[in-house]
Amino acid sequence: MLLKLTNATKGRIGEGLILNTEMILSFFEHKQEDGTDVVIAYGMNGNSWEVSETIDEIMEKANGN
């Protein structure tokens, strides 16, 4: 399943980001140096992505709500 999320990485903030849920191992909350809360999606190949959605919002999208 593909999830459309919002990029929270500096230089790409606000851009759309499509992630394949089959390639994601875990999500965890993180506070950036400027105090902004983001969620990190950690992938199978050592890739990671910062997104602005909360873990609850990601789970709702993954469940089709």
PDB file of N, CA and C in Angstrom:
ATOM      1  N   MET A   1       0.843  -1.173   0.000  1.00  0.00           N
ATOM      2  CA  MET A   1       0.000   0.000   0.000  1.00  0.00           C
ATOM      3  C   MET A   1       0.892   1.242   0.000  1.00  0.00           C
ATOM      4  N   LEU A   2       0.452   2.250  -0.716  1.00  0.00           N
ATOM      5  CA  LEU A   2       1.178   3.508  -0.772  1.00  0.00           C
ATOM      6  C   LEU A   2       0.483   4.537   0.105  1.00  0.00           C
ATOM      7  N   LEU A   3       1.277   5.301   0.847  1.00  0.00           N
ATOM      8  CA  LEU A   3       0.763   6.368   1.696  1.00  0.00           C
ATOM      9  C   LEU A   3       1.289   7.696   1.182  1.00  0.00           C
ATOM     10  N   LYS A   4       0.400   8.680   1.055  1.00  0.00           N
ATOM     11  CA  LYS A   4       0.834  10.026   0.701  1.00  0.00           C
ATOM     12  C   LYS A   4       0.963  10.812   1.998  1.00  0.00           C
ATOM     13  N   LEU A   5       2.185  11.238   2.305  1.00  0.00           N
ATOM     14  CA  LEU A   5       2.482  11.985   3.515  1.00  0.00           C
ATOM     15  C   LEU A   5       3.106  13.322   3.134  1.00  0.00           C
ATOM     16  N   THR A   6       3.420  14.141   4.138  1.00  0.00           N
ATOM     17  CA  THR A   6       3.983  15.470   3.905  1.00  0.00           C
ATOM     18  C   THR A   6       5.414  15.511   4.405  1.00  0.00           C
ATOM     19  N   ASN A   7       6.329  15.839   3.510  1.00  0.00           N
ATOM     20  CA  ASN A   7       7.742  15.879   3.843  1.00  0.00           C
ATOM     21  C   ASN A   7       8.021  16.957   4.897  1.00  0.00           C
ATOM     22  N   ALA A   8       8.845  16.624   5.888  1.00  0.00           N
ATOM     23  CA  ALA A   8       9.224  17.579   6.935  1.00  0.00           C
ATOM     24  C   ALA A   8      10.737  17.776   6.982  1.00  0.00           C
ATOM     25  N   THR A   9      11.431  17.320   5.949  1.00  0.00           N
ATOM     26  CA  THR A   9      12.880  17.474   5.868  1.00  0.00           C
ATOM     27  C   THR A   9      13.221  18.888   5.409  1.00  0.00           C
ATOM     28  N   LYS A  10      14.190  19.504   6.073  1.00  0.00           N
ATOM     29  CA  LYS A  10      14.608  20.857   5.696  1.00  0.00           C
ATOM     30  C   LYS A  10      14.913  20.903   4.205  1.00  0.00           C
ATOM     31  N   GLY A  11      14.438  21.939   3.555  1.00  0.00           N
ATOM     32  CA  GLY A  11      14.623  22.091   2.124  1.00  0.00           C
ATOM     33  C   GLY A  11      13.515  21.441   1.309  1.00  0.00           C
ATOM     34  N   ARG A  12      12.699  20.604   1.952  1.00  0.00           N
ATOM     35  CA  ARG A  12      11.602  19.930   1.253  1.00  0.00           C
ATOM     36  C   ARG A  12      10.301  19.988   2.064  1.00  0.00           C
ATOM     37  N   ILE A  13      10.257  20.843   3.056  1.00  0.00           N
ATOM     38  CA  ILE A  13       9.093  20.945   3.939  1.00  0.00           C
ATOM     39  C   ILE A  13       7.841  21.270   3.126  1.00  0.00           C
ATOM     40  N   GLY A  14       6.801  20.485   3.375  1.00  0.00           N
ATOM     41  CA  GLY A  14       5.515  20.705   2.724  1.00  0.00           C
ATOM     42  C   GLY A  14       5.316  19.952   1.426  1.00  0.00           C
ATOM     43  N   GLU A  15       6.364  19.384   0.862  1.00  0.00           N
ATOM     44  CA  GLU A  15       6.231  18.630  -0.388  1.00  0.00           C
ATOM     45  C   GLU A  15       5.575  17.285  -0.119  1.00  0.00           C
ATOM     46  N   GLY A  16       4.845  16.785  -1.107  1.00  0.00           N
ATOM     47  CA  GLY A  16       4.238  15.468  -0.997  1.00  0.00           C
ATOM     48  C   GLY A  16       5.302  14.380  -1.001  1.00  0.00           C
ATOM     49  N   LEU A  17       5.013  13.307  -0.301  1.00  0.00           N
ATOM     50  CA  LEU A  17       5.950  12.190  -0.183  1.00  0.00           C
ATOM     51  C   LEU A  17       5.131  10.906  -0.235  1.00  0.00           C
ATOM     52  N   ILE A  18       5.442  10.014  -1.159  1.00  0.00           N
ATOM     53  CA  ILE A  18       4.741   8.742  -1.285  1.00  0.00           C
ATOM     54  C   ILE A  18       5.647   7.645  -0.742  1.00  0.00           C
ATOM     55  N   LEU A  19       5.142   6.923   0.264  1.00  0.00           N
ATOM     56  CA  LEU A  19       5.920   5.827   0.860  1.00  0.00           C
ATOM     57  C   LEU A  19       5.170   4.515   0.707  1.00  0.00           C
ATOM     58  N   ASN A  20       5.896   3.465   0.374  1.00  0.00           N
ATOM     59  CA  ASN A  20       5.348   2.118   0.273  1.00  0.00           C
ATOM     60  C   ASN A  20       5.384   1.498   1.669  1.00  0.00           C
ATOM     61  N   THR A  21       4.229   1.170   2.226  1.00  0.00           N
ATOM     62  CA  THR A  21       4.168   0.636   3.591  1.00  0.00           C
ATOM     63  C   THR A  21       4.904  -0.688   3.727  1.00  0.00           C
ATOM     64  N   GLU A  22       5.067  -1.419   2.645  1.00  0.00           N
ATOM     65  CA  GLU A  22       5.774  -2.702   2.703  1.00  0.00           C
ATOM     66  C   GLU A  22       7.271  -2.521   2.920  1.00  0.00           C
ATOM     67  N   MET A  23       7.772  -1.321   2.706  1.00  0.00           N
ATOM     68  CA  MET A  23       9.206  -1.049   2.855  1.00  0.00           C
ATOM     69  C   MET A  23       9.531  -0.327   4.162  1.00  0.00           C
ATOM     70  N   ILE A  24       8.514  -0.041   4.984  1.00  0.00           N
ATOM     71  CA  ILE A  24       8.723   0.691   6.228  1.00  0.00           C
ATOM     72  C   ILE A  24       8.778  -0.283   7.400  1.00  0.00           C
ATOM     73  N   LEU A  25       9.826  -0.166   8.197  1.00  0.00           N
ATOM     74  CA  LEU A  25       9.980  -1.018   9.370  1.00  0.00           C
ATOM     75  C   LEU A  25       9.348  -0.413  10.606  1.00  0.00           C
ATOM     76  N   SER A  26       9.497   0.902  10.782  1.00  0.00           N
ATOM     77  CA  SER A  26       8.956   1.530  11.992  1.00  0.00           C
ATOM     78  C   SER A  26       8.813   3.034  11.807  1.00  0.00           C
ATOM     79  N   PHE A  27       8.039   3.607  12.722  1.00  0.00           N
ATOM     80  CA  PHE A  27       7.878   5.054  12.827  1.00  0.00           C
ATOM     81  C   PHE A  27       8.263   5.450  14.239  1.00  0.00           C
ATOM     82  N   PHE A  28       8.866   6.608  14.402  1.00  0.00           N
ATOM     83  CA  PHE A  28       9.098   7.119  15.752  1.00  0.00           C
ATOM     84  C   PHE A  28       9.078   8.635  15.734  1.00  0.00           C
ATOM     85  N   GLU A  29       8.696   9.195  16.885  1.00  0.00           N
ATOM     86  CA  GLU A  29       8.603  10.645  17.018  1.00  0.00           C
ATOM     87  C   GLU A  29       9.977  11.229  17.311  1.00  0.00           C
ATOM     88  N   HIS A  30      10.208  12.438  16.782  1.00  0.00           N
ATOM     89  CA  HIS A  30      11.515  13.088  16.932  1.00  0.00           C
ATOM     90  C   HIS A  30      11.294  14.593  17.008  1.00  0.00           C
ATOM     91  N   LYS A  31      12.117  15.275  17.760  1.00  0.00           N
ATOM     92  CA  LYS A  31      12.085  16.739  17.824  1.00  0.00           C
ATOM     93  C   LYS A  31      13.323  17.265  17.104  1.00  0.00           C
ATOM     94  N   GLN A  32      13.108  18.075  16.065  1.00  0.00           N
ATOM     95  CA  GLN A  32      14.223  18.646  15.325  1.00  0.00           C
ATOM     96  C   GLN A  32      14.928  19.699  16.174  1.00  0.00           C
ATOM     97  N   GLU A  33      16.109  20.125  15.731  1.00  0.00           N
ATOM     98  CA  GLU A  33      16.904  21.108  16.468  1.00  0.00           C
ATOM     99  C   GLU A  33      16.148  22.405  16.736  1.00  0.00           C
ATOM    100  N   ASP A  34      15.244  22.778  15.819  1.00  0.00           N
ATOM    101  CA  ASP A  34      14.488  24.021  15.999  1.00  0.00           C
ATOM    102  C   ASP A  34      13.245  23.831  16.865  1.00  0.00           C
ATOM    103  N   GLY A  35      13.041  22.617  17.393  1.00  0.00           N
ATOM    104  CA  GLY A  35      11.918  22.331  18.272  1.00  0.00           C
ATOM    105  C   GLY A  35      10.687  21.789  17.573  1.00  0.00           C
ATOM    106  N   THR A  36      10.733  21.668  16.253  1.00  0.00           N
ATOM    107  CA  THR A  36       9.606  21.142  15.489  1.00  0.00           C
ATOM    108  C   THR A  36       9.484  19.637  15.711  1.00  0.00           C
ATOM    109  N   ASP A  37       8.261  19.189  15.996  1.00  0.00           N
ATOM    110  CA  ASP A  37       8.005  17.759  16.136  1.00  0.00           C
ATOM    111  C   ASP A  37       7.775  17.145  14.765  1.00  0.00           C
ATOM    112  N   VAL A  38       8.442  16.037  14.488  1.00  0.00           N
ATOM    113  CA  VAL A  38       8.258  15.293  13.244  1.00  0.00           C
ATOM    114  C   VAL A  38       8.174  13.808  13.586  1.00  0.00           C
ATOM    115  N   VAL A  39       7.762  13.037  12.608  1.00  0.00           N
ATOM    116  CA  VAL A  39       7.787  11.589  12.737  1.00  0.00           C
ATOM    117  C   VAL A  39       8.776  11.077  11.709  1.00  0.00           C
ATOM    118  N   ILE A  40       9.618  10.158  12.132  1.00  0.00           N
ATOM    119  CA  ILE A  40      10.597   9.542  11.248  1.00  0.00           C
ATOM    120  C   ILE A  40      10.056   8.183  10.807  1.00  0.00           C
ATOM    121  N   ALA A  41      10.028   7.955   9.511  1.00  0.00           N
ATOM    122  CA  ALA A  41       9.703   6.641   8.959  1.00  0.00           C
ATOM    123  C   ALA A  41      11.032   5.980   8.624  1.00  0.00           C
ATOM    124  N   TYR A  42      11.290   4.834   9.236  1.00  0.00           N
ATOM    125  CA  TYR A  42      12.545   4.126   9.018  1.00  0.00           C
ATOM    126  C   TYR A  42      12.292   2.962   8.084  1.00  0.00           C
ATOM    127  N   GLY A  43      13.031   2.899   6.974  1.00  0.00           N
ATOM    128  CA  GLY A  43      12.810   1.891   5.945  1.00  0.00           C
ATOM    129  C   GLY A  43      13.765   0.716   6.008  1.00  0.00           C
ATOM    130  N   MET A  44      13.469  -0.297   5.213  1.00  0.00           N
ATOM    131  CA  MET A  44      14.206  -1.557   5.202  1.00  0.00           C
ATOM    132  C   MET A  44      15.673  -1.408   4.786  1.00  0.00           C
ATOM    133  N   ASN A  45      15.959  -0.531   3.864  1.00  0.00           N
ATOM    134  CA  ASN A  45      17.316  -0.400   3.334  1.00  0.00           C
ATOM    135  C   ASN A  45      18.128   0.679   4.035  1.00  0.00           C
ATOM    136  N   GLY A  46      17.727   1.034   5.257  1.00  0.00           N
ATOM    137  CA  GLY A  46      18.435   2.070   5.995  1.00  0.00           C
ATOM    138  C   GLY A  46      17.993   3.467   5.641  1.00  0.00           C
ATOM    139  N   ASN A  47      17.009   3.597   4.746  1.00  0.00           N
ATOM    140  CA  ASN A  47      16.473   4.910   4.396  1.00  0.00           C
ATOM    141  C   ASN A  47      15.573   5.405   5.509  1.00  0.00           C
ATOM    142  N   SER A  48      15.466   6.713   5.629  1.00  0.00           N
ATOM    143  CA  SER A  48      14.520   7.286   6.576  1.00  0.00           C
ATOM    144  C   SER A  48      13.958   8.577   5.992  1.00  0.00           C
ATOM    145  N   TRP A  49      12.734   8.909   6.431  1.00  0.00           N
ATOM    146  CA  TRP A  49      12.042  10.086   5.941  1.00  0.00           C
ATOM    147  C   TRP A  49      11.417  10.812   7.117  1.00  0.00           C
ATOM    148  N   GLU A  50      11.504  12.125   7.118  1.00  0.00           N
ATOM    149  CA  GLU A  50      10.838  12.942   8.133  1.00  0.00           C
ATOM    150  C   GLU A  50       9.511  13.409   7.555  1.00  0.00           C
ATOM    151  N   VAL A  51       8.428  13.180   8.301  1.00  0.00           N
ATOM    152  CA  VAL A  51       7.106  13.591   7.841  1.00  0.00           C
ATOM    153  C   VAL A  51       6.427  14.421   8.913  1.00  0.00           C
ATOM    154  N   SER A  52       5.490  15.275   8.493  1.00  0.00           N
ATOM    155  CA  SER A  52       4.827  16.162   9.448  1.00  0.00           C
ATOM    156  C   SER A  52       3.601  15.531  10.102  1.00  0.00           C
ATOM    157  N   GLU A  53       3.061  14.448   9.546  1.00  0.00           N
ATOM    158  CA  GLU A  53       1.912  13.784  10.150  1.00  0.00           C
ATOM    159  C   GLU A  53       2.315  13.115  11.464  1.00  0.00           C
ATOM    160  N   THR A  54       1.347  12.998  12.372  1.00  0.00           N
ATOM    161  CA  THR A  54       1.585  12.265  13.614  1.00  0.00           C
ATOM    162  C   THR A  54       1.474  10.767  13.337  1.00  0.00           C
ATOM    163  N   ILE A  55       1.925   9.956  14.270  1.00  0.00           N
ATOM    164  CA  ILE A  55       1.796   8.511  14.108  1.00  0.00           C
ATOM    165  C   ILE A  55       0.321   8.124  14.003  1.00  0.00           C
ATOM    166  N   ASP A  56      -0.542   8.758  14.797  1.00  0.00           N
ATOM    167  CA  ASP A  56      -1.981   8.468  14.717  1.00  0.00           C
ATOM    168  C   ASP A  56      -2.547   8.784  13.336  1.00  0.00           C
ATOM    169  N   GLU A  57      -2.148   9.914  12.760  1.00  0.00           N
ATOM    170  CA  GLU A  57      -2.618  10.276  11.417  1.00  0.00           C
ATOM    171  C   GLU A  57      -2.120   9.282  10.375  1.00  0.00           C
ATOM    172  N   ILE A  58      -0.892   8.834  10.511  1.00  0.00           N
ATOM    173  CA  ILE A  58      -0.337   7.843   9.579  1.00  0.00           C
ATOM    174  C   ILE A  58      -1.116   6.542   9.675  1.00  0.00           C
ATOM    175  N   MET A  59      -1.416   6.110  10.894  1.00  0.00           N
ATOM    176  CA  MET A  59      -2.171   4.861  11.078  1.00  0.00           C
ATOM    177  C   MET A  59      -3.582   4.984  10.507  1.00  0.00           C
ATOM    178  N   GLU A  60      -4.220   6.134  10.651  1.00  0.00           N
ATOM    179  CA  GLU A  60      -5.553   6.346  10.063  1.00  0.00           C
ATOM    180  C   GLU A  60      -5.495   6.224   8.539  1.00  0.00           C
ATOM    181  N   LYS A  61      -4.488   6.850   7.931  1.00  0.00           N
ATOM    182  CA  LYS A  61      -4.333   6.752   6.481  1.00  0.00           C
ATOM    183  C   LYS A  61      -4.076   5.308   6.049  1.00  0.00           C
ATOM    184  N   ALA A  62      -3.247   4.599   6.813  1.00  0.00           N
ATOM    185  CA  ALA A  62      -2.918   3.213   6.482  1.00  0.00           C
ATOM    186  C   ALA A  62      -4.147   2.305   6.596  1.00  0.00           C
ATOM    187  N   ASN A  63      -5.078   2.672   7.469  1.00  0.00           N
ATOM    188  CA  ASN A  63      -6.296   1.879   7.654  1.00  0.00           C
ATOM    189  C   ASN A  63      -7.430   2.338   6.759  1.00  0.00           C
ATOM    190  N   GLY A  64      -7.156   3.308   5.883  1.00  0.00           N
ATOM    191  CA  GLY A  64      -8.139   3.772   4.927  1.00  0.00           C
ATOM    192  C   GLY A  64      -9.166   4.742   5.469  1.00  0.00           C
ATOM    193  N   ASN A  65      -8.889   5.352   6.595  1.00  0.00           N
ATOM    194  CA  ASN A  65      -9.836   6.313   7.176  1.00  0.00           C
ATOM    195  C   ASN A  65      -9.508   7.727   6.755  1.00  0.00           C
TER     196      ASN A  65
END
